[in-house]
Amino acid sequence: MAAKSLDPPQRSDRLRTWLLLGPGLIYLLIFFALPLVVIVLYSFLTPGPRGNVEWVFTFNNYITLFTGDLYLSAYWRSIWSSLLTTFVCLLIGYPLALFIVRSPPRWRVVLLFLILIPFWTNFLVRTYAWMIILANNGLLNGLIQALGMPRQTLLNTEGATLVGLIYGELPFMILPLYAALDRFDFNLMEAAADLGANRWQAFLRVMLPQTMPGVVAGSVLVFIPTVGQFVVSDLLGGAKVDYLGNILQRLFQRSNPPNWPLGSAMAIVFMFVLTVAIIIYFRGTTEEDR
């Protein structure tokens, strides 16, 4: 039996749907799909002697990534720093978000406003401000000397990098946690107390599971930008320790000659790591709807 042709109203609806989706699909095709195809293609090509790309297909770029100590250590260091930053942001952000939620309504707006104020300033400017604070003659060292202690080396260290990452990403942890805690029924904590649970048991068994979507969302929102960060490590860490973002920047811009195929392979592996994090994010956030 021949398939029935679409009625004019159905054809009109389908045409209207494609017209609405068309601009977005074209944008994704030009600015996402096409560059991704180019990066994947470049990752299997051979770097030339002068920074050019030779059209000789090879797996050497991926082999170099998984056998070279420099690249393996950069991956592990970036992932470890991102996990540590996420953990510290969670330790700071959860109590702070809980404090905001439990505050009187007229103070909530003020506190949230204070959390959002840093977004009004360029991230690079805020990082330079931390350089002034942590410098040898900076504000923090001035306070240390005023207390009678010797001057400390604070800038150009991994600790300074960690401080900059935590400061920059903390709001991305607080806001999802605030949204999750704002929907939490605190009467459940009183019910847990009536059943014999202390505050810590009630938190672990009642509040934390109920607010886990906010924890997962905030953790992923902190982890994803942190793992590829290179500005903070360059300015506050003095580029003394190689992170993933720093090596990517050098491979594409600063190397002499540049190595775009190896940088493309590194970007593909990096994108795979982020894809796993995004999958965790969506699974965590959909738990709330089940």
Protein backbone atom coordinates (compact mmCIF):
# COMPACT_ATOMS: atom_id res chain seq x y z
CA MET A 1 0.00 0.00 0.00
CA ALA A 2 1.40 3.36 -0.97
CA ALA A 3 2.27 5.73 1.84
CA LYS A 4 -0.23 8.48 2.40
CA SER A 5 0.95 11.96 1.47
CA LEU A 6 1.02 14.61 4.14
CA ASP A 7 -1.99 16.86 4.40
CA PRO A 8 -1.38 20.58 3.77
CA PRO A 9 -1.67 21.45 7.50
CA GLN A 10 0.91 18.75 8.34
CA ARG A 11 3.25 20.00 5.63
CA SER A 12 2.85 23.53 6.94
CA ASP A 13 3.65 22.42 10.51
CA ARG A 14 6.75 20.52 9.36
CA LEU A 15 7.94 23.47 7.29
CA ARG A 16 7.37 25.82 10.23
CA THR A 17 9.37 23.47 12.49
CA TRP A 18 12.33 23.39 10.10
CA LEU A 19 12.23 27.16 9.73
CA LEU A 20 12.37 27.55 13.50
CA LEU A 21 15.15 24.98 13.91
CA GLY A 22 17.08 26.05 10.82
CA PRO A 23 19.07 29.00 12.26
CA GLY A 24 20.12 27.02 15.32
CA LEU A 25 21.10 23.98 13.26
CA ILE A 26 23.12 26.11 10.84
CA TYR A 27 24.87 27.81 13.75
CA LEU A 28 25.75 24.46 15.35
CA LEU A 29 26.94 23.09 12.02
CA ILE A 30 29.25 26.03 11.29
CA PHE A 31 30.57 26.81 14.76
CA PHE A 32 30.54 23.36 16.41
CA ALA A 33 30.30 20.39 14.05
CA LEU A 34 32.65 21.72 11.34
CA PRO A 35 35.44 22.82 13.75
CA LEU A 36 35.10 19.50 15.58
CA VAL A 37 35.57 17.59 12.33
CA VAL A 38 38.65 19.69 11.55
CA ILE A 39 40.15 19.04 15.00
CA VAL A 40 39.50 15.30 14.73
CA LEU A 41 41.06 15.24 11.26
CA TYR A 42 44.12 17.23 12.37
CA SER A 43 44.67 14.85 15.29
CA PHE A 44 45.51 12.07 12.82
CA LEU A 45 47.85 14.14 10.64
CA THR A 46 51.62 14.55 10.81
CA PRO A 47 53.25 17.80 12.00
CA GLY A 48 55.62 19.40 9.50
CA PRO A 49 59.12 20.70 10.26
CA ARG A 50 58.07 24.36 10.03
CA GLY A 51 54.82 24.24 11.96
CA ASN A 52 52.79 23.18 8.95
CA VAL A 53 50.61 20.08 8.73
CA GLU A 54 51.45 17.22 6.39
CA TRP A 55 48.58 15.13 5.06
CA VAL A 56 50.00 11.83 6.23
CA PHE A 57 47.65 9.92 8.51
CA THR A 58 49.18 8.55 11.69
CA PHE A 59 48.32 7.48 15.25
CA ASN A 60 51.62 8.81 16.60
CA ASN A 61 49.95 11.85 18.16
CA TYR A 62 47.77 9.72 20.41
CA ILE A 63 50.65 7.35 21.13
CA THR A 64 52.75 10.35 22.22
CA LEU A 65 50.01 11.55 24.54
CA PHE A 66 49.68 8.23 26.33
CA THR A 67 53.39 7.47 26.52
CA GLY A 68 54.98 10.88 27.11
CA ASP A 69 55.55 11.68 30.78
CA LEU A 70 54.98 15.40 30.19
CA TYR A 71 51.47 14.92 28.79
CA LEU A 72 50.42 12.18 31.20
CA SER A 73 51.55 14.24 34.18
CA ALA A 74 49.75 17.30 32.79
CA TYR A 75 46.50 15.33 32.48
CA TRP A 76 46.74 13.89 35.97
CA ARG A 77 47.82 17.21 37.47
CA SER A 78 44.95 19.06 35.81
CA ILE A 79 42.39 16.45 36.84
CA TRP A 80 43.72 16.32 40.40
CA SER A 81 43.76 20.12 40.73
CA SER A 82 40.22 20.29 39.32
CA LEU A 83 38.98 17.62 41.73
CA LEU A 84 40.66 19.36 44.67
CA THR A 85 39.23 22.73 43.61
CA THR A 86 35.77 21.17 43.28
CA PHE A 87 36.04 19.52 46.70
CA VAL A 88 37.16 22.72 48.45
CA CYS A 89 34.44 24.73 46.69
CA LEU A 90 31.90 22.17 47.90
CA LEU A 91 33.18 22.38 51.48
CA ILE A 92 32.91 26.17 51.39
CA GLY A 93 29.86 26.50 49.18
CA TYR A 94 27.48 24.09 50.92
CA PRO A 95 27.52 25.78 54.35
CA LEU A 96 27.42 29.19 52.70
CA ALA A 97 24.43 28.25 50.52
CA LEU A 98 22.72 26.77 53.58
CA PHE A 99 23.37 29.98 55.51
CA ILE A 100 21.81 32.05 52.69
CA VAL A 101 18.74 29.80 52.50
CA ARG A 102 18.20 29.97 56.26
CA SER A 103 18.61 33.76 56.34
CA PRO A 104 15.59 36.08 56.46
CA PRO A 105 14.11 36.72 53.01
CA ARG A 106 15.20 40.38 52.96
CA TRP A 107 18.83 39.32 53.49
CA ARG A 108 18.80 36.56 50.88
CA VAL A 109 18.75 39.04 48.02
CA VAL A 110 21.65 40.97 49.51
CA LEU A 111 23.74 37.83 50.06
CA LEU A 112 23.05 36.50 46.56
CA PHE A 113 23.92 39.92 45.19
CA LEU A 114 27.29 39.74 46.96
CA ILE A 115 27.89 36.29 45.44
CA LEU A 116 27.15 37.62 41.94
CA ILE A 117 29.20 40.83 42.21
CA PRO A 118 32.45 39.18 40.98
CA PHE A 119 30.76 38.35 37.67
CA TRP A 120 30.54 42.08 36.98
CA THR A 121 34.33 42.27 36.74
CA ASN A 122 36.49 40.64 34.11
CA PHE A 123 38.06 37.40 35.32
CA LEU A 124 41.50 38.53 34.17
CA VAL A 125 41.24 41.71 36.25
CA ARG A 126 40.29 39.67 39.33
CA THR A 127 43.28 37.41 38.76
CA TYR A 128 45.59 40.44 38.57
CA ALA A 129 44.08 41.60 41.86
CA TRP A 130 45.15 38.32 43.45
CA MET A 131 48.65 38.89 42.09
CA ILE A 132 48.75 42.17 44.03
CA ILE A 133 47.46 40.45 47.17
CA LEU A 134 49.94 37.56 47.00
CA ALA A 135 53.01 39.45 45.75
CA ASN A 136 56.19 39.63 47.84
CA ASN A 137 55.32 43.23 48.73
CA GLY A 138 51.58 42.59 48.56
CA LEU A 139 48.80 43.02 51.06
CA LEU A 140 49.03 39.55 52.56
CA ASN A 141 52.79 39.64 53.03
CA GLY A 142 52.43 43.10 54.56
CA LEU A 143 49.99 41.66 57.09
CA ILE A 144 52.34 38.74 57.81
CA GLN A 145 55.26 41.10 58.42
CA ALA A 146 53.09 43.32 60.61
CA LEU A 147 52.48 40.28 62.82
CA GLY A 148 56.22 39.85 63.25
CA MET A 149 56.66 36.87 60.92
CA PRO A 150 59.07 36.68 57.96
CA ARG A 151 57.89 37.34 54.43
CA GLN A 152 56.51 34.27 52.65
CA THR A 153 56.69 33.22 48.99
CA LEU A 154 53.01 33.15 48.06
CA LEU A 155 52.96 34.09 44.40
CA ASN A 156 54.13 31.75 41.62
CA THR A 157 53.26 28.62 43.58
CA GLU A 158 50.74 25.81 43.18
CA GLY A 159 49.02 27.08 46.31
CA ALA A 160 48.45 30.46 44.67
CA THR A 161 47.02 28.71 41.61
CA LEU A 162 44.66 26.72 43.79
CA VAL A 163 43.51 29.86 45.62
CA GLY A 164 42.81 31.59 42.31
CA LEU A 165 40.86 28.61 40.98
CA ILE A 166 38.75 28.31 44.13
CA TYR A 167 38.02 32.02 44.17
CA GLY A 168 37.03 32.09 40.51
CA GLU A 169 34.81 29.00 40.53
CA LEU A 170 33.17 29.24 43.97
CA PRO A 171 30.04 31.12 42.75
CA PHE A 172 29.34 28.31 40.27
CA MET A 173 29.14 25.93 43.22
CA ILE A 174 27.07 28.15 45.50
CA LEU A 175 24.26 28.96 43.08
CA PRO A 176 23.19 25.36 42.22
CA LEU A 177 23.47 24.43 45.89
CA TYR A 178 21.30 27.40 46.84
CA ALA A 179 18.66 26.35 44.30
CA ALA A 180 18.62 22.78 45.66
CA LEU A 181 18.53 23.85 49.32
CA ASP A 182 15.82 26.42 48.64
CA ARG A 183 13.52 23.57 47.53
CA PHE A 184 14.43 21.36 50.49
CA ASP A 185 11.76 20.81 53.15
CA PHE A 186 13.52 21.49 56.45
CA ASN A 187 10.66 19.86 58.33
CA LEU A 188 12.29 16.59 57.32
CA MET A 189 15.25 17.44 59.55
CA GLU A 190 12.89 17.88 62.52
CA ALA A 191 11.24 14.58 61.67
CA ALA A 192 14.64 12.87 61.61
CA ALA A 193 15.47 14.40 65.00
CA ASP A 194 12.18 13.09 66.39
CA LEU A 195 13.16 9.62 65.20
CA GLY A 196 16.41 9.78 67.15
CA ALA A 197 18.90 11.04 64.56
CA ASN A 198 21.44 13.65 65.56
CA ARG A 199 22.23 16.60 63.29
CA TRP A 200 25.09 14.85 61.48
CA GLN A 201 23.02 11.71 60.82
CA ALA A 202 20.08 13.79 59.64
CA PHE A 203 22.35 15.70 57.28
CA LEU A 204 23.92 12.55 55.79
CA ARG A 205 20.70 10.56 55.48
CA VAL A 206 18.12 13.25 54.73
CA MET A 207 19.48 16.61 53.56
CA LEU A 208 22.48 15.50 51.50
CA PRO A 209 20.59 12.88 49.41
CA GLN A 210 17.75 15.35 48.79
CA THR A 211 20.14 18.07 47.64
CA MET A 212 22.48 15.78 45.68
CA PRO A 213 21.34 17.17 42.28
CA GLY A 214 22.65 20.58 43.36
CA VAL A 215 25.90 19.02 44.57
CA VAL A 216 26.42 17.20 41.27
CA ALA A 217 25.47 20.23 39.16
CA GLY A 218 27.76 22.56 41.09
CA SER A 219 30.63 20.06 41.02
CA VAL A 220 30.46 19.66 37.26
CA LEU A 221 30.10 23.42 36.70
CA VAL A 222 33.30 23.89 38.72
CA PHE A 223 35.22 20.91 37.33
CA ILE A 224 34.70 21.57 33.62
CA PRO A 225 36.18 25.10 33.40
CA THR A 226 38.88 24.32 35.97
CA VAL A 227 40.39 21.35 34.16
CA GLY A 228 41.19 23.46 31.09
CA GLN A 229 42.22 26.62 32.91
CA PHE A 230 45.53 28.20 31.91
CA VAL A 231 45.20 31.91 32.79
CA VAL A 232 45.31 31.35 36.55
CA SER A 233 48.27 28.98 36.40
CA ASP A 234 50.13 31.39 34.11
CA LEU A 235 49.59 34.47 36.26
CA LEU A 236 49.42 33.11 39.81
CA GLY A 237 51.52 30.00 39.31
CA GLY A 238 54.15 31.67 37.16
CA ALA A 239 53.76 28.92 34.52
CA LYS A 240 56.19 26.83 36.58
CA VAL A 241 53.95 23.76 36.51
CA ASP A 242 52.40 22.48 33.30
CA TYR A 243 48.64 22.10 33.31
CA LEU A 244 46.58 20.82 30.43
CA GLY A 245 45.50 24.28 29.31
CA ASN A 246 49.08 25.59 29.35
CA ILE A 247 50.36 22.79 27.13
CA LEU A 248 47.47 23.22 24.71
CA GLN A 249 48.22 26.92 24.48
CA ARG A 250 51.89 26.25 23.76
CA LEU A 251 51.21 23.58 21.15
CA PHE A 252 48.94 25.91 19.18
CA GLN A 253 50.61 29.29 19.74
CA ARG A 254 53.89 29.41 21.63
CA SER A 255 55.83 26.37 20.41
CA ASN A 256 58.56 26.90 17.87
CA PRO A 257 57.37 25.40 15.63
CA PRO A 258 53.70 24.86 16.65
CA ASN A 259 52.39 21.31 16.70
CA TRP A 260 48.72 21.50 15.74
CA PRO A 261 48.18 17.74 15.20
CA LEU A 262 49.46 16.89 18.70
CA GLY A 263 47.46 19.78 20.16
CA SER A 264 44.35 18.54 18.33
CA ALA A 265 44.81 15.02 19.70
CA MET A 266 45.23 16.45 23.19
CA ALA A 267 42.05 18.50 22.74
CA ILE A 268 40.10 15.41 21.64
CA VAL A 269 41.16 13.45 24.73
CA PHE A 270 40.36 16.50 26.85
CA MET A 271 36.91 16.73 25.26
CA PHE A 272 36.33 13.07 26.07
CA VAL A 273 37.04 13.77 29.75
CA LEU A 274 34.61 16.68 29.72
CA THR A 275 31.97 14.57 27.96
CA VAL A 276 32.14 12.05 30.80
CA ALA A 277 31.71 14.91 33.29
CA ILE A 278 28.71 16.26 31.37
CA ILE A 279 27.09 12.79 31.32
CA ILE A 280 27.50 12.65 35.10
CA TYR A 281 25.94 16.11 35.30
CA PHE A 282 22.83 15.15 33.35
CA ARG A 283 22.39 11.91 35.27
CA GLY A 284 22.71 13.79 38.55
CA THR A 285 20.27 16.54 37.59
CA THR A 286 17.65 14.12 36.24
CA GLU A 287 17.57 12.27 39.57
CA GLU A 288 15.42 15.11 40.88
CA ASP A 289 12.68 14.41 38.32
CA ARG A 290 12.43 10.68 39.09
